[in-house]
Amino acid sequence: MLTLISILDLFPRFHEKNCTFAKVAVSCRISCNPLASGQNDDRRRLKMARDPIRLGQNSCNTCAVRHRAICGALSDDELAGLSRIGRQRKFRAGDIILADEEPTTFFANVVSGVIKLEKTSADGRQQIVGLVFAPDFLGRAYSRFNPYFAQAATDAEVCTFPHAGFERLLRSHPGLEHRLFENTLNELDSAREWMFVLGRKSAQEKVASFLHLIAKRQPMIGCATIDASMHAARFELPLTRADIADFLGLTIETVSRQLSNLKRQGTIQLVSGREVVVPDLRKLESKAQGDDEAVA
């Protein structure tokens, strides 16, 4: 998972002072926020209340992400206990999975799809602060309330675990708790890296970094292909250009212009509205790092 929440929660006073560093970390694009209107707020919560497609009890033995998710720390016997409380669910793109500041009722492993994490300020500003891919863990263990909105950016399948039952398993299985802690540290490292992207990179480097991130993560979702021998990739963007702009702290026009620039330079090919082909991932990575020299 890539998120800035962990950093910002550690320094609440620092964030509230709106100093330069905090502005960079959460550079917000002021937009028309659906939560600023009571009517739209009701619609959003109604959408969240709509029951997702239920696939029934999870079968851990056949799970596509079992060995890469946190449950990979469990033995077959231990996994049986987790399987008993797990339930598979499908969410459609746009569905709200978790609501900000609402009581925590469940956690989830992402099996497929992309989920975006959002924070909203009291004055209506909103910011996408993270993206969750398979096999990431969704939710904040040992917390009574959700720290963010989680919305399906694409159709997504998750394996959910009830709050109380999952935390009991954490206490009784140190290996599972250790894996969750390890994942949390990885998220913190990713958040720090992304803060550098937002604070120090140019617009083109930000867009190239985002495309490189998606190219690396999309094969785990099952909707992209990477040719390792040719260093090429083909994938569909999980976010709209407006969401990409929100995530990168840019305007929609800047995102569109930089995509066109990368296309003109031969770094990417735009097959359709969201489908992207990267002929050489090394060249895209070079653009993300600000190195315009030719890649051998």
Protein backbone atom coordinates (compact mmCIF):
# COMPACT_ATOMS: atom_id res chain seq x y z
CA MET A 1 0.00 0.00 0.00
CA LEU A 2 1.21 3.48 -0.77
CA THR A 3 -0.06 6.01 1.77
CA LEU A 4 0.83 9.26 3.48
CA ILE A 5 -1.57 8.63 6.39
CA SER A 6 1.04 6.95 8.57
CA ILE A 7 3.39 9.96 8.36
CA LEU A 8 0.68 12.57 8.94
CA ASP A 9 -0.86 10.70 11.88
CA LEU A 10 2.55 10.66 13.58
CA PHE A 11 2.82 14.46 13.41
CA PRO A 12 -0.68 15.94 13.90
CA ARG A 13 0.51 19.31 15.23
CA PHE A 14 3.05 19.61 12.44
CA HIS A 15 0.33 19.00 9.85
CA GLU A 16 -2.11 21.45 11.43
CA LYS A 17 0.35 24.37 11.28
CA ASN A 18 0.23 24.26 7.46
CA CYS A 19 3.98 24.78 7.26
CA THR A 20 5.74 24.40 3.92
CA PHE A 21 6.64 20.75 4.43
CA ALA A 22 3.09 19.77 5.34
CA LYS A 23 1.76 21.63 2.31
CA VAL A 24 4.07 19.65 0.09
CA ALA A 25 3.10 16.35 1.67
CA VAL A 26 -0.61 16.87 1.26
CA SER A 27 -0.65 19.37 -1.61
CA CYS A 28 -4.35 19.58 -2.18
CA ARG A 29 -6.20 20.53 -5.27
CA ILE A 30 -9.23 22.53 -4.09
CA SER A 31 -12.20 21.10 -5.89
CA CYS A 32 -15.91 20.69 -5.60
CA ASN A 33 -16.15 18.18 -2.80
CA PRO A 34 -19.15 15.84 -2.63
CA LEU A 35 -18.91 15.87 1.16
CA ALA A 36 -19.34 19.67 1.27
CA SER A 37 -22.97 19.18 0.39
CA GLY A 38 -25.31 17.40 2.76
CA GLN A 39 -27.26 15.97 -0.16
CA ASN A 40 -24.16 14.52 -1.79
CA ASP A 41 -22.96 13.29 1.59
CA ASP A 42 -26.19 11.31 1.97
CA ARG A 43 -25.80 9.86 -1.51
CA ARG A 44 -22.24 8.82 -0.79
CA ARG A 45 -23.15 7.09 2.43
CA LEU A 46 -26.11 5.38 0.76
CA LYS A 47 -23.72 4.09 -1.87
CA MET A 48 -21.49 2.75 0.88
CA ALA A 49 -24.46 1.14 2.60
CA ARG A 50 -25.33 -0.84 -0.54
CA ASP A 51 -24.27 -4.40 0.15
CA PRO A 52 -21.42 -5.59 -2.07
CA ILE A 53 -21.59 -8.81 -3.99
CA ARG A 54 -20.94 -11.59 -1.52
CA LEU A 55 -19.04 -14.64 -2.74
CA GLY A 56 -19.37 -16.58 0.49
CA GLN A 57 -16.72 -18.03 2.77
CA ASN A 58 -13.15 -17.60 1.65
CA SER A 59 -11.09 -20.60 0.55
CA CYS A 60 -7.55 -19.80 1.65
CA ASN A 61 -6.10 -22.85 -0.09
CA THR A 62 -7.05 -21.51 -3.51
CA CYS A 63 -6.52 -17.80 -2.82
CA ALA A 64 -4.46 -16.11 -5.55
CA VAL A 65 -2.59 -13.84 -3.11
CA ARG A 66 -2.25 -16.17 -0.14
CA HIS A 67 1.54 -16.44 -0.14
CA ARG A 68 2.10 -12.69 -0.72
CA ALA A 69 -0.53 -11.38 1.70
CA ILE A 70 -0.14 -11.18 5.48
CA CYS A 71 -1.85 -14.56 5.87
CA GLY A 72 1.20 -16.12 4.18
CA ALA A 73 2.80 -16.09 7.63
CA LEU A 74 0.37 -18.78 8.83
CA SER A 75 0.74 -22.55 8.61
CA ASP A 76 -1.99 -24.62 6.96
CA ASP A 77 -3.52 -25.44 10.35
CA GLU A 78 -3.42 -21.81 11.48
CA LEU A 79 -4.83 -20.70 8.16
CA ALA A 80 -7.95 -22.78 8.81
CA GLY A 81 -8.88 -20.44 11.68
CA LEU A 82 -8.50 -17.39 9.47
CA SER A 83 -10.49 -19.04 6.70
CA ARG A 84 -13.40 -19.64 9.07
CA ILE A 85 -13.89 -15.92 9.71
CA GLY A 86 -12.94 -14.68 6.21
CA ARG A 87 -15.54 -13.71 3.63
CA GLN A 88 -15.00 -12.85 -0.02
CA ARG A 89 -16.67 -9.72 -1.35
CA LYS A 90 -16.70 -7.84 -4.62
CA PHE A 91 -17.03 -4.08 -4.94
CA ARG A 92 -17.86 -2.17 -8.09
CA ALA A 93 -15.77 0.82 -9.16
CA GLY A 94 -16.97 3.84 -7.17
CA ASP A 95 -18.26 1.88 -4.16
CA ILE A 96 -17.22 3.20 -0.75
CA ILE A 97 -15.61 0.38 1.23
CA LEU A 98 -14.64 2.26 4.41
CA ALA A 99 -15.90 5.63 5.64
CA ASP A 100 -13.67 8.18 7.35
CA GLU A 101 -14.06 8.33 11.16
CA GLU A 102 -16.68 5.57 11.14
CA PRO A 103 -16.28 2.65 13.60
CA THR A 104 -13.96 -0.07 12.33
CA THR A 105 -16.00 -3.19 11.63
CA PHE A 106 -13.69 -5.21 9.37
CA PHE A 107 -10.27 -5.45 7.74
CA ALA A 108 -9.45 -6.90 4.34
CA ASN A 109 -6.82 -8.40 2.08
CA VAL A 110 -7.08 -7.08 -1.46
CA VAL A 111 -7.31 -9.99 -3.90
CA SER A 112 -7.73 -7.99 -7.10
CA GLY A 113 -8.40 -4.43 -8.23
CA VAL A 114 -7.25 -1.02 -6.95
CA ILE A 115 -8.63 0.92 -3.98
CA LYS A 116 -7.95 4.60 -3.37
CA LEU A 117 -7.64 6.13 0.09
CA GLU A 118 -8.96 9.66 0.63
CA LYS A 119 -8.91 12.28 3.38
CA THR A 120 -11.29 15.22 3.53
CA SER A 121 -10.76 18.44 5.49
CA ALA A 122 -13.46 20.29 7.41
CA ASP A 123 -13.65 23.00 4.73
CA GLY A 124 -14.32 20.51 1.92
CA ARG A 125 -10.86 19.94 0.46
CA GLN A 126 -10.09 16.36 -0.42
CA GLN A 127 -6.93 14.48 -1.28
CA ILE A 128 -6.13 10.99 -2.49
CA VAL A 129 -3.44 9.94 -0.02
CA GLY A 130 -2.80 6.37 -1.10
CA LEU A 131 -3.51 3.49 -3.44
CA VAL A 132 -4.05 -0.08 -2.30
CA PHE A 133 -3.25 -2.98 -4.63
CA ALA A 134 -3.29 -6.76 -4.32
CA PRO A 135 -2.06 -8.24 -1.98
CA ASP A 136 -2.12 -5.21 0.35
CA PHE A 137 -3.91 -5.10 3.69
CA LEU A 138 -6.78 -2.64 4.02
CA GLY A 139 -7.69 -1.13 7.38
CA ARG A 140 -6.08 0.07 10.58
CA ALA A 141 -5.66 -2.70 13.15
CA TYR A 142 -6.01 -1.79 16.85
CA SER A 143 -8.02 1.31 16.02
CA ARG A 144 -11.66 1.94 16.85
CA PHE A 145 -12.25 4.17 13.82
CA ASN A 146 -11.27 4.19 10.16
CA PRO A 147 -8.61 6.86 9.47
CA TYR A 148 -9.71 7.48 5.86
CA PHE A 149 -12.25 6.84 3.14
CA ALA A 150 -11.53 3.75 1.04
CA GLN A 151 -13.21 3.74 -2.37
CA ALA A 152 -12.91 1.15 -5.15
CA ALA A 153 -11.05 2.83 -8.04
CA THR A 154 -11.73 -0.25 -10.17
CA ASP A 155 -13.87 -3.32 -9.67
CA ALA A 156 -12.23 -5.02 -6.71
CA GLU A 157 -12.37 -8.32 -4.85
CA VAL A 158 -11.34 -8.47 -1.20
CA CYS A 159 -11.30 -11.01 1.60
CA THR A 160 -12.77 -9.40 4.71
CA PHE A 161 -12.22 -10.30 8.38
CA PRO A 162 -14.35 -9.02 11.28
CA HIS A 163 -12.59 -6.52 13.53
CA ALA A 164 -12.75 -8.42 16.81
CA GLY A 165 -12.08 -11.87 15.33
CA PHE A 166 -9.03 -10.72 13.37
CA GLU A 167 -7.47 -8.92 16.33
CA ARG A 168 -7.91 -12.08 18.43
CA LEU A 169 -5.97 -13.99 15.76
CA LEU A 170 -3.23 -11.35 15.84
CA ARG A 171 -2.83 -11.77 19.59
CA SER A 172 -2.70 -15.55 19.38
CA HIS A 173 -0.46 -15.82 16.28
CA PRO A 174 2.77 -13.78 16.67
CA GLY A 175 3.82 -14.64 13.11
CA LEU A 176 0.71 -12.96 11.70
CA GLU A 177 1.21 -9.90 13.89
CA HIS A 178 4.87 -9.71 12.84
CA ARG A 179 3.92 -9.83 9.14
CA LEU A 180 1.38 -7.04 9.66
CA PHE A 181 4.03 -4.96 11.44
CA GLU A 182 6.48 -5.61 8.61
CA ASN A 183 3.87 -4.50 6.07
CA THR A 184 3.24 -1.34 8.08
CA LEU A 185 6.95 -0.47 8.00
CA ASN A 186 6.98 -1.02 4.23
CA GLU A 187 4.02 1.34 3.91
CA LEU A 188 5.88 3.94 5.96
CA ASP A 189 8.91 3.66 3.67
CA SER A 190 6.66 4.00 0.61
CA ALA A 191 4.98 7.07 2.14
CA ARG A 192 8.34 8.74 2.70
CA GLU A 193 9.38 7.97 -0.85
CA TRP A 194 6.15 9.42 -2.21
CA MET A 195 6.57 12.56 -0.12
CA PHE A 196 9.87 13.06 -1.95
CA VAL A 197 8.06 12.61 -5.28
CA LEU A 198 5.48 15.26 -4.34
CA GLY A 199 7.96 17.67 -2.82
CA ARG A 200 10.99 17.56 -5.10
CA LYS A 201 10.08 16.21 -8.54
CA SER A 202 8.93 18.13 -11.59
CA ALA A 203 5.50 17.62 -13.13
CA GLN A 204 6.89 15.25 -15.78
CA GLU A 205 8.83 13.29 -13.17
CA LYS A 206 5.69 12.98 -11.02
CA VAL A 207 3.60 11.63 -13.90
CA ALA A 208 6.39 9.27 -14.97
CA SER A 209 6.76 8.07 -11.35
CA PHE A 210 3.03 7.38 -11.17
CA LEU A 211 3.06 5.41 -14.44
CA HIS A 212 6.09 3.43 -13.28
CA LEU A 213 4.32 2.62 -10.00
CA ILE A 214 1.25 1.33 -11.83
CA ALA A 215 3.36 -0.66 -14.29
CA LYS A 216 5.10 -2.41 -11.38
CA ARG A 217 1.95 -3.11 -9.39
CA GLN A 218 -0.64 -3.88 -12.05
CA PRO A 219 0.58 -7.43 -12.89
CA MET A 220 -0.40 -8.39 -9.33
CA ILE A 221 -3.96 -7.33 -10.13
CA GLY A 222 -4.29 -9.49 -13.22
CA CYS A 223 -5.11 -6.72 -15.70
CA ALA A 224 -1.73 -5.99 -17.20
CA THR A 225 1.17 -7.68 -18.93
CA ILE A 226 4.91 -7.17 -18.55
CA ASP A 227 7.47 -8.61 -20.96
CA ALA A 228 10.55 -9.01 -18.77
CA SER A 229 12.83 -9.83 -21.71
CA MET A 230 11.79 -6.70 -23.63
CA HIS A 231 11.35 -4.52 -20.50
CA ALA A 232 7.90 -3.58 -21.84
CA ALA A 233 4.51 -3.24 -20.15
CA ARG A 234 0.88 -2.76 -21.13
CA PHE A 235 -1.75 -1.76 -18.57
CA GLU A 236 -4.94 0.17 -17.97
CA LEU A 237 -4.83 3.22 -15.71
CA PRO A 238 -6.93 2.58 -12.57
CA LEU A 239 -7.57 6.31 -12.02
CA THR A 240 -9.18 9.05 -14.07
CA ARG A 241 -6.98 11.99 -15.04
CA ALA A 242 -8.75 14.06 -12.41
CA ASP A 243 -7.82 11.48 -9.75
CA ILE A 244 -4.24 11.29 -11.03
CA ALA A 245 -4.02 15.08 -10.72
CA ASP A 246 -5.40 14.89 -7.18
CA PHE A 247 -2.93 12.16 -6.23
CA LEU A 248 0.06 14.06 -7.64
CA GLY A 249 -0.93 17.56 -6.52
CA LEU A 250 -1.22 18.77 -10.13
CA THR A 251 -3.98 20.14 -12.32
CA ILE A 252 -5.82 17.96 -14.85
CA GLU A 253 -4.38 20.09 -17.66
CA THR A 254 -0.83 19.50 -16.40
CA VAL A 255 -1.36 15.75 -16.21
CA SER A 256 -2.76 15.66 -19.76
CA ARG A 257 0.12 17.81 -21.04
CA GLN A 258 2.77 15.60 -19.42
CA LEU A 259 1.16 12.42 -20.75
CA SER A 260 1.26 13.97 -24.22
CA ASN A 261 4.92 14.95 -23.70
CA LEU A 262 5.86 11.41 -22.67
CA LYS A 263 4.00 10.08 -25.70
CA ARG A 264 5.77 12.50 -28.05
CA GLN A 265 9.13 11.49 -26.57
CA GLY A 266 8.36 7.81 -27.24
CA THR A 267 8.37 6.89 -23.55
CA ILE A 268 4.75 5.70 -23.61
CA GLN A 269 1.98 4.96 -26.10
CA LEU A 270 -1.60 5.97 -25.34
CA VAL A 271 -3.69 3.23 -26.93
CA SER A 272 -7.05 4.50 -25.70
CA GLY A 273 -8.46 6.72 -22.96
CA ARG A 274 -6.84 4.68 -20.18
CA GLU A 275 -4.75 1.98 -21.85
CA VAL A 276 -1.02 2.65 -21.77
CA VAL A 277 1.87 0.82 -23.43
CA VAL A 278 5.41 1.29 -22.13
CA PRO A 279 7.88 0.04 -24.77
CA ASP A 280 10.82 0.23 -22.36
CA LEU A 281 10.30 0.41 -18.59
CA ARG A 282 13.92 1.45 -18.12
CA LYS A 283 13.29 4.60 -20.13
CA LEU A 284 10.16 5.38 -18.11
CA GLU A 285 12.09 4.86 -14.86
CA SER A 286 14.80 7.17 -16.17
CA LYS A 287 12.19 9.88 -16.82
CA ALA A 288 10.82 9.38 -13.32
CA GLN A 289 14.28 9.94 -11.88
CA GLY A 290 14.88 13.04 -13.95
CA ASP A 291 17.56 11.46 -16.13
CA ASP A 292 16.91 12.38 -19.76
CA GLU A 293 19.92 10.55 -21.11
CA ALA A 294 19.28 7.65 -23.44
CA VAL A 295 18.92 4.24 -21.81
CA ALA A 296 21.26 1.63 -23.22
